[in-house]
Amino acid sequence: MSPRPIRIVIVDDHPMVAEGIQSILESYEDVEILATLGNGQAIIDRVESLAPDVILLDLNMPGLGGLTTTEIILEKRPETRILILSMHDSPEYISSALSHGAAGYVLKDVPTDEIKRAIDAVMTGQRYLCTGAKGSLEPYENPEREQLTNREQTILLQLAQGKSNKDVAQALDISVRTVETHRKNIKRKLGIASTAGLTRYALEHGVLQGTGVRL
């Protein structure tokens, strides 16, 4: 008996891109395309019923961005592997995608067979970065600098918008003391001493841009 095919959902708000990827993957006998969807909310609503092995997820989409979508999907169905598809090769995008739980990151202009290699890799539990993404990320990664947790990234976004500890505590339904602890840890990890420095960091790394990295 032949093994069950890899069950895949493609999520991209550009129909031509999604159809192109679908036509590529349908040429492989060990792949089954369950659905092609146009936004993050659509896959969040259907991820449990579709039960995909791998989701090919566009990073920048209207409404829910790819990062938020990734977090919600993994809360609902942690066994699903998420492979980010993006035009952006900046290390900030790649690092953020991985920190939000993505199993891999592939640029949209890679050779067609590389998408299949990425799927096979994440199915075996490996992290996959395409050549362009890996080369971009390597000089950016600093093993001595701790990465911010998802919660710390959320709080950084709130603080960078000028909110007080009390405002952040109310928004996230946590105590002011917890916010203060997170704030201290964020400053320590980033090597930043002031709130103004946090805001500048957020601006420089696209945290505050509506079309940039969404936390």
N, C-alpha and C. Protein backbone atom coordinates (compact mmCIF):
# COMPACT_ATOMS: atom_id res chain seq x y z
N MET A 1 0.85 -1.20 0.00
CA MET A 1 0.00 0.00 0.00
C MET A 1 0.88 1.24 0.00
N SER A 2 0.59 2.18 -0.88
CA SER A 2 1.41 3.39 -0.98
C SER A 2 1.12 4.31 0.21
N PRO A 3 2.13 5.08 0.65
CA PRO A 3 1.93 5.97 1.80
C PRO A 3 0.93 7.08 1.47
N ARG A 4 0.30 7.58 2.51
CA ARG A 4 -0.66 8.68 2.34
C ARG A 4 0.04 9.91 1.79
N PRO A 5 -0.56 10.60 0.83
CA PRO A 5 0.09 11.80 0.29
C PRO A 5 0.16 12.92 1.33
N ILE A 6 1.08 13.84 1.11
CA ILE A 6 1.21 15.01 1.97
C ILE A 6 0.05 15.96 1.68
N ARG A 7 -0.72 16.26 2.69
CA ARG A 7 -1.92 17.09 2.52
C ARG A 7 -1.55 18.57 2.71
N ILE A 8 -1.83 19.35 1.67
CA ILE A 8 -1.34 20.73 1.63
C ILE A 8 -2.47 21.72 1.38
N VAL A 9 -2.40 22.86 2.06
CA VAL A 9 -3.28 24.00 1.77
C VAL A 9 -2.39 25.18 1.37
N ILE A 10 -2.79 25.88 0.33
CA ILE A 10 -2.07 27.06 -0.14
C ILE A 10 -2.89 28.29 0.23
N VAL A 11 -2.25 29.25 0.90
CA VAL A 11 -2.95 30.48 1.31
C VAL A 11 -2.19 31.68 0.76
N ASP A 12 -2.79 32.35 -0.23
CA ASP A 12 -2.15 33.51 -0.85
C ASP A 12 -3.25 34.38 -1.44
N ASP A 13 -3.15 35.69 -1.23
CA ASP A 13 -4.21 36.58 -1.72
C ASP A 13 -4.04 36.94 -3.20
N HIS A 14 -3.01 36.41 -3.84
CA HIS A 14 -2.84 36.61 -5.29
C HIS A 14 -3.20 35.30 -6.00
N PRO A 15 -4.37 35.23 -6.65
CA PRO A 15 -4.83 33.97 -7.25
C PRO A 15 -3.83 33.38 -8.25
N MET A 16 -3.16 34.22 -9.02
CA MET A 16 -2.23 33.69 -10.01
C MET A 16 -1.05 32.98 -9.35
N VAL A 17 -0.59 33.55 -8.22
CA VAL A 17 0.51 32.92 -7.48
C VAL A 17 0.06 31.58 -6.92
N ALA A 18 -1.11 31.58 -6.27
CA ALA A 18 -1.63 30.36 -5.67
C ALA A 18 -1.86 29.27 -6.72
N GLU A 19 -2.43 29.66 -7.87
CA GLU A 19 -2.69 28.69 -8.93
C GLU A 19 -1.40 28.15 -9.51
N GLY A 20 -0.39 29.02 -9.61
CA GLY A 20 0.90 28.58 -10.13
C GLY A 20 1.55 27.55 -9.22
N ILE A 21 1.51 27.81 -7.91
CA ILE A 21 2.08 26.85 -6.95
C ILE A 21 1.30 25.55 -6.97
N GLN A 22 -0.03 25.67 -7.06
CA GLN A 22 -0.86 24.47 -7.09
C GLN A 22 -0.53 23.60 -8.30
N SER A 23 -0.38 24.22 -9.46
CA SER A 23 -0.09 23.43 -10.67
C SER A 23 1.27 22.74 -10.57
N ILE A 24 2.22 23.40 -9.92
CA ILE A 24 3.55 22.79 -9.71
C ILE A 24 3.43 21.56 -8.82
N LEU A 25 2.75 21.74 -7.69
CA LEU A 25 2.71 20.66 -6.69
C LEU A 25 1.84 19.50 -7.13
N GLU A 26 0.83 19.77 -7.95
CA GLU A 26 -0.05 18.69 -8.40
C GLU A 26 0.66 17.71 -9.33
N SER A 27 1.86 18.09 -9.80
CA SER A 27 2.61 17.18 -10.66
C SER A 27 3.32 16.09 -9.85
N TYR A 28 3.33 16.24 -8.52
CA TYR A 28 3.95 15.24 -7.65
C TYR A 28 2.89 14.26 -7.14
N GLU A 29 3.19 12.98 -7.27
CA GLU A 29 2.22 11.95 -6.89
C GLU A 29 1.99 11.86 -5.39
N ASP A 30 2.98 12.31 -4.60
CA ASP A 30 2.85 12.19 -3.14
C ASP A 30 2.30 13.45 -2.49
N VAL A 31 1.65 14.30 -3.26
CA VAL A 31 1.08 15.55 -2.74
C VAL A 31 -0.42 15.60 -3.07
N GLU A 32 -1.19 16.05 -2.10
CA GLU A 32 -2.62 16.30 -2.31
C GLU A 32 -2.95 17.73 -1.89
N ILE A 33 -3.45 18.53 -2.81
CA ILE A 33 -3.85 19.91 -2.50
C ILE A 33 -5.28 19.89 -1.98
N LEU A 34 -5.44 20.23 -0.71
CA LEU A 34 -6.77 20.20 -0.08
C LEU A 34 -7.59 21.42 -0.45
N ALA A 35 -6.93 22.58 -0.52
CA ALA A 35 -7.65 23.84 -0.78
C ALA A 35 -6.64 24.93 -1.13
N THR A 36 -7.13 25.92 -1.85
CA THR A 36 -6.38 27.14 -2.11
C THR A 36 -7.22 28.29 -1.60
N LEU A 37 -6.71 29.01 -0.59
CA LEU A 37 -7.48 30.05 0.08
C LEU A 37 -6.82 31.41 -0.08
N GLY A 38 -7.61 32.48 0.09
CA GLY A 38 -7.11 33.81 -0.23
C GLY A 38 -6.73 34.69 0.94
N ASN A 39 -6.94 34.21 2.19
CA ASN A 39 -6.58 35.06 3.33
C ASN A 39 -6.41 34.23 4.59
N GLY A 40 -5.83 34.86 5.61
CA GLY A 40 -5.52 34.17 6.85
C GLY A 40 -6.74 33.66 7.59
N GLN A 41 -7.80 34.48 7.62
CA GLN A 41 -9.00 34.08 8.36
C GLN A 41 -9.62 32.82 7.77
N ALA A 42 -9.54 32.67 6.45
CA ALA A 42 -10.13 31.51 5.79
C ALA A 42 -9.47 30.21 6.24
N ILE A 43 -8.14 30.21 6.37
CA ILE A 43 -7.48 28.98 6.81
C ILE A 43 -7.67 28.77 8.31
N ILE A 44 -7.74 29.84 9.09
CA ILE A 44 -8.00 29.70 10.53
C ILE A 44 -9.36 29.02 10.74
N ASP A 45 -10.35 29.43 9.96
CA ASP A 45 -11.70 28.88 10.10
C ASP A 45 -11.78 27.41 9.69
N ARG A 46 -10.87 26.99 8.79
CA ARG A 46 -11.01 25.64 8.22
C ARG A 46 -9.86 24.69 8.56
N VAL A 47 -8.88 25.17 9.33
CA VAL A 47 -7.69 24.34 9.54
C VAL A 47 -8.02 23.02 10.24
N GLU A 48 -8.96 23.04 11.17
CA GLU A 48 -9.28 21.81 11.89
C GLU A 48 -10.06 20.82 11.02
N SER A 49 -10.94 21.33 10.18
CA SER A 49 -11.71 20.43 9.31
C SER A 49 -10.86 19.90 8.15
N LEU A 50 -9.97 20.73 7.62
CA LEU A 50 -9.10 20.30 6.52
C LEU A 50 -7.96 19.41 7.01
N ALA A 51 -7.45 19.70 8.21
CA ALA A 51 -6.36 18.93 8.83
C ALA A 51 -5.16 18.77 7.90
N PRO A 52 -4.59 19.87 7.41
CA PRO A 52 -3.44 19.76 6.50
C PRO A 52 -2.16 19.37 7.23
N ASP A 53 -1.27 18.72 6.50
CA ASP A 53 0.07 18.44 7.04
C ASP A 53 0.93 19.69 6.94
N VAL A 54 0.81 20.40 5.82
CA VAL A 54 1.62 21.59 5.56
C VAL A 54 0.73 22.70 5.01
N ILE A 55 0.96 23.92 5.49
CA ILE A 55 0.29 25.10 4.93
C ILE A 55 1.36 25.98 4.30
N LEU A 56 1.20 26.29 3.02
CA LEU A 56 2.05 27.27 2.35
C LEU A 56 1.36 28.61 2.52
N LEU A 57 1.98 29.49 3.31
CA LEU A 57 1.29 30.70 3.77
C LEU A 57 2.01 31.96 3.33
N ASP A 58 1.29 32.82 2.62
CA ASP A 58 1.84 34.11 2.23
C ASP A 58 2.06 34.96 3.48
N LEU A 59 3.16 35.72 3.51
CA LEU A 59 3.48 36.50 4.70
C LEU A 59 2.63 37.76 4.80
N ASN A 60 2.51 38.50 3.71
CA ASN A 60 1.77 39.77 3.73
C ASN A 60 0.44 39.62 3.01
N MET A 61 -0.63 39.62 3.80
CA MET A 61 -1.98 39.51 3.24
C MET A 61 -2.87 40.57 3.88
N PRO A 62 -3.92 40.99 3.19
CA PRO A 62 -4.85 41.93 3.82
C PRO A 62 -5.55 41.28 4.99
N GLY A 63 -5.95 42.08 5.98
CA GLY A 63 -6.57 41.53 7.17
C GLY A 63 -5.50 40.94 8.08
N LEU A 64 -5.64 39.69 8.43
CA LEU A 64 -4.66 39.03 9.30
C LEU A 64 -3.38 38.75 8.52
N GLY A 65 -2.26 39.23 9.04
CA GLY A 65 -0.98 38.96 8.39
C GLY A 65 -0.54 37.52 8.63
N GLY A 66 0.49 37.12 7.91
CA GLY A 66 0.97 35.75 8.00
C GLY A 66 1.47 35.36 9.37
N LEU A 67 2.07 36.31 10.10
CA LEU A 67 2.62 35.97 11.42
C LEU A 67 1.51 35.69 12.43
N THR A 68 0.51 36.56 12.47
CA THR A 68 -0.62 36.34 13.37
C THR A 68 -1.35 35.06 13.00
N THR A 69 -1.54 34.85 11.71
CA THR A 69 -2.21 33.64 11.23
C THR A 69 -1.44 32.40 11.67
N THR A 70 -0.12 32.45 11.56
CA THR A 70 0.71 31.32 11.98
C THR A 70 0.49 30.97 13.44
N GLU A 71 0.51 31.98 14.31
CA GLU A 71 0.33 31.74 15.75
C GLU A 71 -1.03 31.10 16.04
N ILE A 72 -2.08 31.62 15.41
CA ILE A 72 -3.43 31.11 15.69
C ILE A 72 -3.59 29.69 15.17
N ILE A 73 -3.05 29.42 13.99
CA ILE A 73 -3.13 28.06 13.43
C ILE A 73 -2.44 27.06 14.36
N LEU A 74 -1.25 27.43 14.83
CA LEU A 74 -0.48 26.50 15.67
C LEU A 74 -1.13 26.30 17.04
N GLU A 75 -1.90 27.27 17.50
CA GLU A 75 -2.67 27.07 18.72
C GLU A 75 -3.79 26.06 18.48
N LYS A 76 -4.41 26.13 17.30
CA LYS A 76 -5.52 25.25 16.97
C LYS A 76 -5.05 23.85 16.59
N ARG A 77 -3.94 23.81 15.84
CA ARG A 77 -3.48 22.51 15.32
C ARG A 77 -1.96 22.49 15.27
N PRO A 78 -1.32 22.27 16.41
CA PRO A 78 0.14 22.39 16.52
C PRO A 78 0.93 21.43 15.64
N GLU A 79 0.30 20.33 15.20
CA GLU A 79 1.04 19.37 14.37
C GLU A 79 1.20 19.82 12.92
N THR A 80 0.47 20.84 12.51
CA THR A 80 0.59 21.36 11.15
C THR A 80 1.90 22.13 10.99
N ARG A 81 2.60 21.88 9.89
CA ARG A 81 3.82 22.64 9.59
C ARG A 81 3.47 23.82 8.70
N ILE A 82 3.98 24.98 9.04
CA ILE A 82 3.71 26.18 8.25
C ILE A 82 4.98 26.61 7.54
N LEU A 83 4.85 26.73 6.22
CA LEU A 83 5.95 27.14 5.37
C LEU A 83 5.60 28.52 4.80
N ILE A 84 6.34 29.52 5.22
CA ILE A 84 6.07 30.90 4.78
C ILE A 84 6.58 31.11 3.36
N LEU A 85 5.74 31.69 2.52
CA LEU A 85 6.13 32.11 1.18
C LEU A 85 6.16 33.63 1.15
N SER A 86 7.24 34.20 0.66
CA SER A 86 7.35 35.65 0.71
C SER A 86 8.26 36.18 -0.39
N MET A 87 8.05 37.45 -0.72
CA MET A 87 8.96 38.14 -1.64
C MET A 87 10.09 38.82 -0.87
N HIS A 88 9.97 38.88 0.46
CA HIS A 88 10.91 39.64 1.29
C HIS A 88 12.03 38.76 1.81
N ASP A 89 13.27 39.17 1.56
CA ASP A 89 14.41 38.40 2.04
C ASP A 89 15.14 39.09 3.18
N SER A 90 14.51 40.11 3.79
CA SER A 90 15.18 40.82 4.88
C SER A 90 15.22 39.93 6.12
N PRO A 91 16.31 39.98 6.89
CA PRO A 91 16.44 39.11 8.06
C PRO A 91 15.35 39.34 9.10
N GLU A 92 14.83 40.58 9.19
CA GLU A 92 13.78 40.85 10.17
C GLU A 92 12.54 40.02 9.88
N TYR A 93 12.16 39.95 8.61
CA TYR A 93 10.98 39.16 8.23
C TYR A 93 11.21 37.68 8.53
N ILE A 94 12.37 37.19 8.13
CA ILE A 94 12.66 35.76 8.27
C ILE A 94 12.71 35.38 9.75
N SER A 95 13.44 36.17 10.55
CA SER A 95 13.57 35.89 11.97
C SER A 95 12.21 35.93 12.67
N SER A 96 11.38 36.92 12.30
CA SER A 96 10.06 37.03 12.92
C SER A 96 9.19 35.83 12.58
N ALA A 97 9.25 35.39 11.32
CA ALA A 97 8.44 34.24 10.90
C ALA A 97 8.83 32.99 11.70
N LEU A 98 10.12 32.77 11.86
CA LEU A 98 10.58 31.59 12.60
C LEU A 98 10.22 31.69 14.08
N SER A 99 10.33 32.89 14.65
CA SER A 99 10.01 33.05 16.07
C SER A 99 8.52 32.88 16.34
N HIS A 100 7.69 33.08 15.32
CA HIS A 100 6.25 32.89 15.48
C HIS A 100 5.83 31.43 15.23
N GLY A 101 6.80 30.57 14.93
CA GLY A 101 6.48 29.16 14.83
C GLY A 101 6.54 28.56 13.44
N ALA A 102 6.86 29.36 12.42
CA ALA A 102 6.96 28.81 11.06
C ALA A 102 8.07 27.76 11.00
N ALA A 103 7.83 26.70 10.25
CA ALA A 103 8.82 25.63 10.11
C ALA A 103 9.82 25.93 9.00
N GLY A 104 9.48 26.90 8.14
CA GLY A 104 10.40 27.22 7.06
C GLY A 104 10.02 28.52 6.38
N TYR A 105 10.92 28.99 5.52
CA TYR A 105 10.74 30.27 4.85
C TYR A 105 11.30 30.13 3.44
N VAL A 106 10.45 30.37 2.45
CA VAL A 106 10.85 30.21 1.05
C VAL A 106 10.47 31.47 0.28
N LEU A 107 11.42 31.99 -0.48
CA LEU A 107 11.14 33.15 -1.33
C LEU A 107 10.35 32.70 -2.55
N LYS A 108 9.46 33.57 -3.02
CA LYS A 108 8.55 33.19 -4.10
C LYS A 108 9.26 33.01 -5.45
N ASP A 109 10.48 33.53 -5.55
CA ASP A 109 11.17 33.41 -6.84
C ASP A 109 12.14 32.22 -6.90
N VAL A 110 12.00 31.27 -5.96
CA VAL A 110 12.89 30.10 -5.98
C VAL A 110 12.51 29.18 -7.14
N PRO A 111 13.43 28.32 -7.58
CA PRO A 111 13.08 27.31 -8.59
C PRO A 111 11.91 26.46 -8.08
N THR A 112 11.08 26.02 -9.00
CA THR A 112 9.84 25.33 -8.59
C THR A 112 10.09 24.08 -7.76
N ASP A 113 11.18 23.35 -8.05
CA ASP A 113 11.41 22.12 -7.29
C ASP A 113 11.84 22.39 -5.85
N GLU A 114 12.26 23.64 -5.55
CA GLU A 114 12.69 23.94 -4.19
C GLU A 114 11.50 23.99 -3.23
N ILE A 115 10.34 24.37 -3.72
CA ILE A 115 9.15 24.38 -2.87
C ILE A 115 8.86 22.96 -2.40
N LYS A 116 9.00 22.00 -3.30
CA LYS A 116 8.77 20.59 -2.91
C LYS A 116 9.84 20.12 -1.93
N ARG A 117 11.08 20.53 -2.13
CA ARG A 117 12.14 20.15 -1.19
C ARG A 117 11.85 20.72 0.20
N ALA A 118 11.34 21.95 0.22
CA ALA A 118 11.00 22.59 1.51
C ALA A 118 9.89 21.81 2.21
N ILE A 119 8.89 21.40 1.45
CA ILE A 119 7.78 20.62 2.03
C ILE A 119 8.30 19.31 2.61
N ASP A 120 9.13 18.61 1.85
CA ASP A 120 9.67 17.34 2.32
C ASP A 120 10.50 17.53 3.59
N ALA A 121 11.26 18.62 3.63
CA ALA A 121 12.12 18.88 4.80
C ALA A 121 11.29 19.12 6.06
N VAL A 122 10.30 20.00 5.96
CA VAL A 122 9.51 20.30 7.17
C VAL A 122 8.66 19.10 7.60
N MET A 123 8.32 18.23 6.66
CA MET A 123 7.58 17.03 7.01
C MET A 123 8.41 16.07 7.85
N THR A 124 9.73 16.16 7.74
CA THR A 124 10.61 15.32 8.56
C THR A 124 11.05 16.03 9.84
N GLY A 125 10.45 17.20 10.11
CA GLY A 125 10.75 17.91 11.34
C GLY A 125 11.91 18.88 11.25
N GLN A 126 12.44 19.08 10.05
CA GLN A 126 13.55 20.01 9.89
C GLN A 126 13.04 21.44 9.69
N ARG A 127 13.89 22.41 10.01
CA ARG A 127 13.63 23.80 9.64
C ARG A 127 14.21 24.02 8.26
N TYR A 128 13.46 24.67 7.38
CA TYR A 128 13.95 24.87 6.01
C TYR A 128 13.99 26.36 5.66
N LEU A 129 15.16 26.80 5.26
CA LEU A 129 15.32 28.14 4.72
C LEU A 129 15.87 28.01 3.31
N CYS A 130 15.22 28.64 2.34
CA CYS A 130 15.75 28.59 0.98
C CYS A 130 17.09 29.33 0.95
N THR A 131 17.84 29.13 -0.11
CA THR A 131 19.20 29.67 -0.17
C THR A 131 19.25 31.17 0.07
N GLY A 132 18.37 31.92 -0.58
CA GLY A 132 18.35 33.38 -0.42
C GLY A 132 18.02 33.80 0.99
N ALA A 133 17.05 33.11 1.61
CA ALA A 133 16.66 33.44 2.98
C ALA A 133 17.76 33.08 3.97
N LYS A 134 18.39 31.94 3.77
CA LYS A 134 19.45 31.49 4.67
C LYS A 134 20.64 32.45 4.62
N GLY A 135 21.01 32.86 3.41
CA GLY A 135 22.14 33.79 3.26
C GLY A 135 21.86 35.14 3.87
N SER A 136 20.58 35.55 3.81
CA SER A 136 20.20 36.84 4.39
C SER A 136 20.20 36.80 5.90
N LEU A 137 19.81 35.65 6.46
CA LEU A 137 19.64 35.55 7.91
C LEU A 137 20.95 35.32 8.64
N GLU A 138 21.89 34.60 8.01
CA GLU A 138 23.11 34.19 8.71
C GLU A 138 23.88 35.35 9.35
N PRO A 139 24.16 36.46 8.62
CA PRO A 139 24.91 37.53 9.27
C PRO A 139 24.09 38.28 10.31
N TYR A 140 22.76 38.12 10.27
CA TYR A 140 21.88 38.83 11.19
C TYR A 140 21.78 38.11 12.53
N GLU A 141 21.84 36.76 12.47
CA GLU A 141 21.67 36.00 13.70
C GLU A 141 22.89 36.16 14.59
N ASN A 142 22.63 36.47 15.84
CA ASN A 142 23.69 36.61 16.83
C ASN A 142 23.40 35.65 17.96
N PRO A 143 24.15 34.56 18.07
CA PRO A 143 23.83 33.56 19.09
C PRO A 143 23.89 34.09 20.51
N GLU A 144 24.60 35.22 20.71
CA GLU A 144 24.72 35.77 22.06
C GLU A 144 23.50 36.59 22.45
N ARG A 145 22.72 37.03 21.44
CA ARG A 145 21.55 37.85 21.75
C ARG A 145 20.31 36.97 21.84
N GLU A 146 19.63 37.05 22.95
CA GLU A 146 18.42 36.26 23.12
C GLU A 146 17.31 36.83 22.24
N GLN A 147 16.50 35.94 21.70
CA GLN A 147 15.36 36.36 20.89
C GLN A 147 14.19 36.74 21.80
N LEU A 148 13.41 37.72 21.39
CA LEU A 148 12.21 38.07 22.14
C LEU A 148 11.16 36.98 21.96
N THR A 149 10.44 36.69 23.04
CA THR A 149 9.33 35.76 22.93
C THR A 149 8.18 36.47 22.21
N ASN A 150 7.19 35.69 21.80
CA ASN A 150 6.03 36.28 21.13
C ASN A 150 5.33 37.29 22.04
N ARG A 151 5.23 36.97 23.32
CA ARG A 151 4.58 37.88 24.26
C ARG A 151 5.38 39.18 24.39
N GLU A 152 6.71 39.06 24.44
CA GLU A 152 7.57 40.25 24.53
C GLU A 152 7.45 41.10 23.27
N GLN A 153 7.32 40.46 22.11
CA GLN A 153 7.14 41.22 20.88
C GLN A 153 5.82 41.99 20.88
N THR A 154 4.79 41.33 21.41
CA THR A 154 3.49 42.00 21.52
C THR A 154 3.58 43.21 22.43
N ILE A 155 4.26 43.05 23.56
CA ILE A 155 4.38 44.15 24.51
C ILE A 155 5.27 45.25 23.94
N LEU A 156 6.31 44.89 23.20
CA LEU A 156 7.15 45.90 22.55
C LEU A 156 6.31 46.75 21.61
N LEU A 157 5.44 46.13 20.85
CA LEU A 157 4.57 46.88 19.94
C LEU A 157 3.70 47.87 20.71
N GLN A 158 3.14 47.42 21.83
CA GLN A 158 2.29 48.30 22.64
C GLN A 158 3.10 49.48 23.20
N LEU A 159 4.27 49.18 23.73
CA LEU A 159 5.11 50.22 24.33
C LEU A 159 5.59 51.22 23.27
N ALA A 160 5.92 50.69 22.09
CA ALA A 160 6.42 51.55 21.02
C ALA A 160 5.34 52.50 20.50
N GLN A 161 4.07 52.16 20.76
CA GLN A 161 2.98 53.05 20.39
C GLN A 161 2.73 54.12 21.44
N GLY A 162 3.58 54.13 22.48
CA GLY A 162 3.49 55.17 23.50
C GLY A 162 2.57 54.83 24.66
N LYS A 163 2.14 53.58 24.75
CA LYS A 163 1.25 53.20 25.84
C LYS A 163 2.01 53.03 27.15
N SER A 164 1.37 53.36 28.25
CA SER A 164 1.97 53.19 29.57
C SER A 164 1.89 51.73 30.00
N ASN A 165 2.62 51.40 31.07
CA ASN A 165 2.54 50.03 31.60
C ASN A 165 1.10 49.67 31.96
N LYS A 166 0.38 50.64 32.53
CA LYS A 166 -1.00 50.39 32.92
C LYS A 166 -1.88 50.13 31.69
N ASP A 167 -1.67 50.93 30.63
CA ASP A 167 -2.45 50.74 29.40
C ASP A 167 -2.20 49.36 28.80
N VAL A 168 -0.93 48.97 28.79
CA VAL A 168 -0.57 47.66 28.23
C VAL A 168 -1.19 46.54 29.07
N ALA A 169 -1.12 46.70 30.39
CA ALA A 169 -1.69 45.69 31.29
C ALA A 169 -3.19 45.50 31.03
N GLN A 170 -3.90 46.61 30.86
CA GLN A 170 -5.34 46.55 30.60
C GLN A 170 -5.62 45.93 29.24
N ALA A 171 -4.83 46.29 28.22
CA ALA A 171 -5.04 45.78 26.87
C ALA A 171 -4.82 44.28 26.79
N LEU A 172 -3.85 43.77 27.54
CA LEU A 172 -3.49 42.35 27.46
C LEU A 172 -4.05 41.53 28.62
N ASP A 173 -4.77 42.20 29.51
CA ASP A 173 -5.38 41.54 30.67
C ASP A 173 -4.33 40.83 31.54
N ILE A 174 -3.26 41.57 31.84
CA ILE A 174 -2.22 41.07 32.74
C ILE A 174 -1.94 42.16 33.77
N SER A 175 -1.15 41.85 34.78
CA SER A 175 -0.88 42.83 35.83
C SER A 175 0.19 43.83 35.39
N VAL A 176 0.18 44.99 36.00
CA VAL A 176 1.19 46.00 35.71
C VAL A 176 2.58 45.47 36.04
N ARG A 177 2.68 44.71 37.12
CA ARG A 177 3.97 44.15 37.51
C ARG A 177 4.51 43.21 36.42
N THR A 178 3.60 42.44 35.81
CA THR A 178 4.02 41.54 34.73
C THR A 178 4.54 42.34 33.54
N VAL A 179 3.87 43.45 33.23
CA VAL A 179 4.32 44.30 32.13
C VAL A 179 5.71 44.86 32.44
N GLU A 180 5.89 45.30 33.67
CA GLU A 180 7.19 45.86 34.08
C GLU A 180 8.30 44.82 33.94
N THR A 181 7.99 43.59 34.30
CA THR A 181 8.99 42.51 34.17
C THR A 181 9.33 42.27 32.71
N HIS A 182 8.29 42.20 31.87
CA HIS A 182 8.53 42.01 30.44
C HIS A 182 9.34 43.17 29.86
N ARG A 183 8.99 44.38 30.28
CA ARG A 183 9.67 45.57 29.77
C ARG A 183 11.17 45.51 30.13
N LYS A 184 11.45 45.10 31.34
CA LYS A 184 12.84 44.98 31.79
C LYS A 184 13.59 43.94 30.96
N ASN A 185 12.93 42.80 30.71
CA ASN A 185 13.55 41.74 29.92
C ASN A 185 13.78 42.15 28.48
N ILE A 186 12.83 42.89 27.91
CA ILE A 186 12.97 43.36 26.53
C ILE A 186 14.18 44.28 26.41
N LYS A 187 14.29 45.23 27.35
CA LYS A 187 15.43 46.15 27.33
C LYS A 187 16.75 45.41 27.47
N ARG A 188 16.76 44.42 28.35
CA ARG A 188 17.99 43.65 28.56
C ARG A 188 18.37 42.87 27.31
N LYS A 189 17.41 42.20 26.70
CA LYS A 189 17.69 41.39 25.52
C LYS A 189 18.15 42.23 24.33
N LEU A 190 17.54 43.41 24.18
CA LEU A 190 17.87 44.26 23.03
C LEU A 190 19.04 45.20 23.32
N GLY A 191 19.45 45.26 24.59
CA GLY A 191 20.53 46.18 24.95
C GLY A 191 20.11 47.63 24.83
N ILE A 192 18.84 47.91 25.18
CA ILE A 192 18.27 49.26 25.06
C ILE A 192 17.88 49.74 26.45
N ALA A 193 18.24 50.98 26.77
CA ALA A 193 18.02 51.48 28.13
C ALA A 193 16.76 52.31 28.29
N SER A 194 16.27 52.94 27.20
CA SER A 194 15.16 53.89 27.34
C SER A 194 13.96 53.48 26.51
N THR A 195 12.81 54.06 26.86
CA THR A 195 11.58 53.83 26.08
C THR A 195 11.72 54.40 24.68
N ALA A 196 12.39 55.55 24.59
CA ALA A 196 12.63 56.15 23.26
C ALA A 196 13.45 55.19 22.39
N GLY A 197 14.39 54.51 23.03
CA GLY A 197 15.20 53.53 22.31
C GLY A 197 14.36 52.36 21.81
N LEU A 198 13.40 51.93 22.62
CA LEU A 198 12.50 50.87 22.20
C LEU A 198 11.67 51.29 21.00
N THR A 199 11.18 52.53 21.04
CA THR A 199 10.39 53.06 19.92
C THR A 199 11.23 53.11 18.65
N ARG A 200 12.47 53.59 18.79
CA ARG A 200 13.36 53.66 17.63
C ARG A 200 13.63 52.27 17.06
N TYR A 201 13.87 51.31 17.95
CA TYR A 201 14.10 49.93 17.52
C TYR A 201 12.88 49.41 16.75
N ALA A 202 11.69 49.68 17.28
CA ALA A 202 10.46 49.21 16.64
C ALA A 202 10.30 49.82 15.25
N LEU A 203 10.62 51.10 15.12
CA LEU A 203 10.54 51.77 13.82
C LEU A 203 11.53 51.18 12.83
N GLU A 204 12.76 50.99 13.29
CA GLU A 204 13.82 50.49 12.41
C GLU A 204 13.58 49.06 11.96
N HIS A 205 12.86 48.29 12.77
CA HIS A 205 12.64 46.89 12.45
C HIS A 205 11.24 46.61 11.92
N GLY A 206 10.52 47.67 11.53
CA GLY A 206 9.25 47.50 10.86
C GLY A 206 8.08 47.13 11.75
N VAL A 207 8.27 47.18 13.08
CA VAL A 207 7.20 46.77 14.00
C VAL A 207 5.98 47.67 13.89
N LEU A 208 6.21 48.95 13.65
CA LEU A 208 5.11 49.92 13.66
C LEU A 208 4.53 50.19 12.27
N GLN A 209 5.08 49.56 11.26
CA GLN A 209 4.60 49.81 9.91
C GLN A 209 3.42 48.91 9.59
N GLY A 210 2.35 49.53 9.10
CA GLY A 210 1.17 48.75 8.79
C GLY A 210 1.40 47.70 7.72
N THR A 211 2.35 47.95 6.84
CA THR A 211 2.64 46.98 5.79
C THR A 211 3.90 46.20 6.08
N GLY A 212 4.46 46.41 7.27
CA GLY A 212 5.70 45.72 7.63
C GLY A 212 5.41 44.48 8.44
N VAL A 213 6.33 44.11 9.28
CA VAL A 213 6.18 42.91 10.09
C VAL A 213 5.06 43.12 11.10
N ARG A 214 4.09 42.21 11.08
CA ARG A 214 2.98 42.32 12.04
C ARG A 214 3.23 41.38 13.20
N LEU A 215 3.04 41.90 14.37
CA LEU A 215 3.26 41.08 15.56
C LEU A 215 1.92 40.52 16.06
